[in-house]
Each structure stands twice: as structure tokens, then as C-alpha cells.
Amino acid sequence: MKYVPYGPELENTPNIIVDGRGNAATVLVLSHWPRNKTPAELKADSSTEIAINYLRSPERERYRQGAEAVSNNHYDVDGLMSMWAVLNPEAALEQAGLLVATGECGDFDRWSGEHATKIACALYGMELGKDSPVRQQLASIRDYLERTEFLYRHTLPLVPELISNVGSFESFWHDEYERVQRDRELFTSGDASVQEVPELDLAVFTLPRRLHDMALYEQTNCTRVALVIDGHRYQARYRYESWVEFKSRRVPPRVDFQPLADLLQTFEGNDGEWTADEVRRTLPHLRLRGPEGSISSSSITPGLFLRLLVQHLRDGAEKPELLWSPTDAEVEYVEQLASD
């Protein structure tokens, strides 16, 4: 198998796609994306785990149909772990647990143990760190697929050392990893807390400030999250687990936040606008937007905000026009749009 960048060359090359969408020449998709074409018996929570299932399958060669190319239409940690696994079957099966943990850490922003979390943070640091030479080289590449190719060609050869000696990448993972650790400690000290509303799959966090998502999501499996931050700052969001086909447990459909944003605006006495991201986005948020998109302080009390949120989720479950789930998505590929 070899990596072939997503683009013109791949269009005429029988291929396996990991973690994304296929093209006309794709013979096998190993992805958890909405409306994916992954064989049912291989499906799992993360694309990395799907790739491991494929490698373990006695039907592996039948699934492959002679394809020698593997690709992906975007770059992220789960995509990298999936791709490296397909390219390196024997080594991947030996390190399956770590690869899956790293893929889940990257996609689901979930603390997945020290080693996996350091690998994910190192990869973030390479791509996004202000002093990273990788980021500096990316600055001159504007085309999305060219950036994707550059990142895969740079990081695929690094996976073995990330697995065997992640300490050698400390300059890339140190800052973000330490931030995660500091924020995790706030839950231990009681300065941050979470309460769950299980019937709504909702976790309500009470926080002194914004915390790293890995610190938050270690505390709960709920896919609906509300943040109550000191200073009457609020946010509601859906986790990535509700955008993909999640297999280990049932995830309820998303309820569009837009009607709730409209309702909150009628109560709001401070400057700012309550906004809700499109429900099909990968990570949609509801918040009172201030200058430059920041979360602004609200005149609404925490109790009222939470009551209105809970009521909206309950009522919305009975309104099909407000619901969205990956299994009912109208298209195979929904554009991944960043949310703050």
C-alpha cells in the first residue's frame, strides 16, 4: 500500500479511504463520517478503530479488491493514525491499543492516557504551534488539499518515533499537555464541577474560566454540554461524538440551537447577540457573541439559562424539523467548519 494524495491522481486509482469520503475510484471506505460506506461489520467509534478492525478481518483482501492506494480528503489525528495503520499492518496490530487511544484523543478531545494524549498534543503542536517549522512551511500553502498532502507526508514518517519515544517531541506537546493537566486538577480541587442530566445526555459544567476540552470531556460521556463560566458567561455545544456514527452506545440526535438563541435574545439585557451554529457543523455552539466572537457576559441568570436549555432539549426531541443525526444526514460529506 502507498499514500496517494486526495486529488486528480487518486480519481483514476483504485483506493481505500480512511476517515473521510471516497471518490469514484474508491473500493473501500474506513470512516465514521455521516452516511459512510464502511462495511457494517467493521464499524466502530473512531476511524482508527475501524482501520484496526479491517486489518484484523479474515476478509481483508476481499475488502481491498487489489487496491494499493490509501488516502484521505482532510488531515487530523484520527486520520493520521488510520492511514498509518493501513500502510503498516503488522506494526499497527502490535500497537493497536495506543493507535486507537490516540485517534480517540484527537477526534473526541478525550483524555486517553498519558502517552496517547502526548502524541495528540505533539501533532497539534507541529501543525499549529507558533514556533513550529511545520506551521511556518504551511503558511505558504493556501490550497486545502495541498496542505493536507504536506501534513501527511511530514507526519506519517514520524509515527513510529511518536509511538516509541514521544519524549523526543516534548517541544511540540509540552505547553498544551501541561494546560490539560492544570485544567484537570481543577476538578480534583473542586474549583470546577460537573452535573449530569442523564435522560437528556447533558453535562452541565460550572467553571471559573474556559478549560481545555480534554479536561472537560474526561469528566463525562454526555454528548450535550453546557458551560456556566464565572461572570455569567454561558455556552452550549454538541460534542464530535454526535456528528459521527458512534457505535459503542446510542447517541441522541442533535436539537437545533437556533430557536433557543432567538428565545434567549428576548431575555438578554446586555450587549451582544445570541447565536447558534448550523446544527450540521462538526462542533456547533450556542453563545452570546461579543467582540470578535468572544463569549460575552449575559444579564441572564445561570438558573434561567439552564432551565431554558433543558426545556429546549426536551421539547426539541418531539420536533423532527429540529433534529439532526449522522445516520439521517442528507449527504455523505458535511463540510467541517470550525467553531470556537
Foldseek 3Di string as FASTA:
>chain_A
DEEDFPDDVVQPAAEEEFAAADHPNDQAYQHQFFPHPHPPVLDALASLSSLLSLLPDPCNCVSSVPGDYYYYQADWLSRLLSVLCVVPVVVCNVVVLLSVLLNCCTQQVADRDDLSLLLRQLLCLCCPPPPHVNVVVCVVPDDRSVNRVSSNVVCSVVVVCSVVPSVVSCVRRVPVVVQLVVLLVCVVVVQKDWDDDVVLLEIEIEHQDDGRVNSVCNVGPRQWYWYQYPQQFIKIKGTLSQRTNHDPDDHFWDFFCAVVQVVVVVVWDDDFGWDWDDSNASMIMTAGADPPRDHDHTPDDPVVSVVSVVVSSVVRSVPVVRTDGSHPDPDRDDDHDDDD
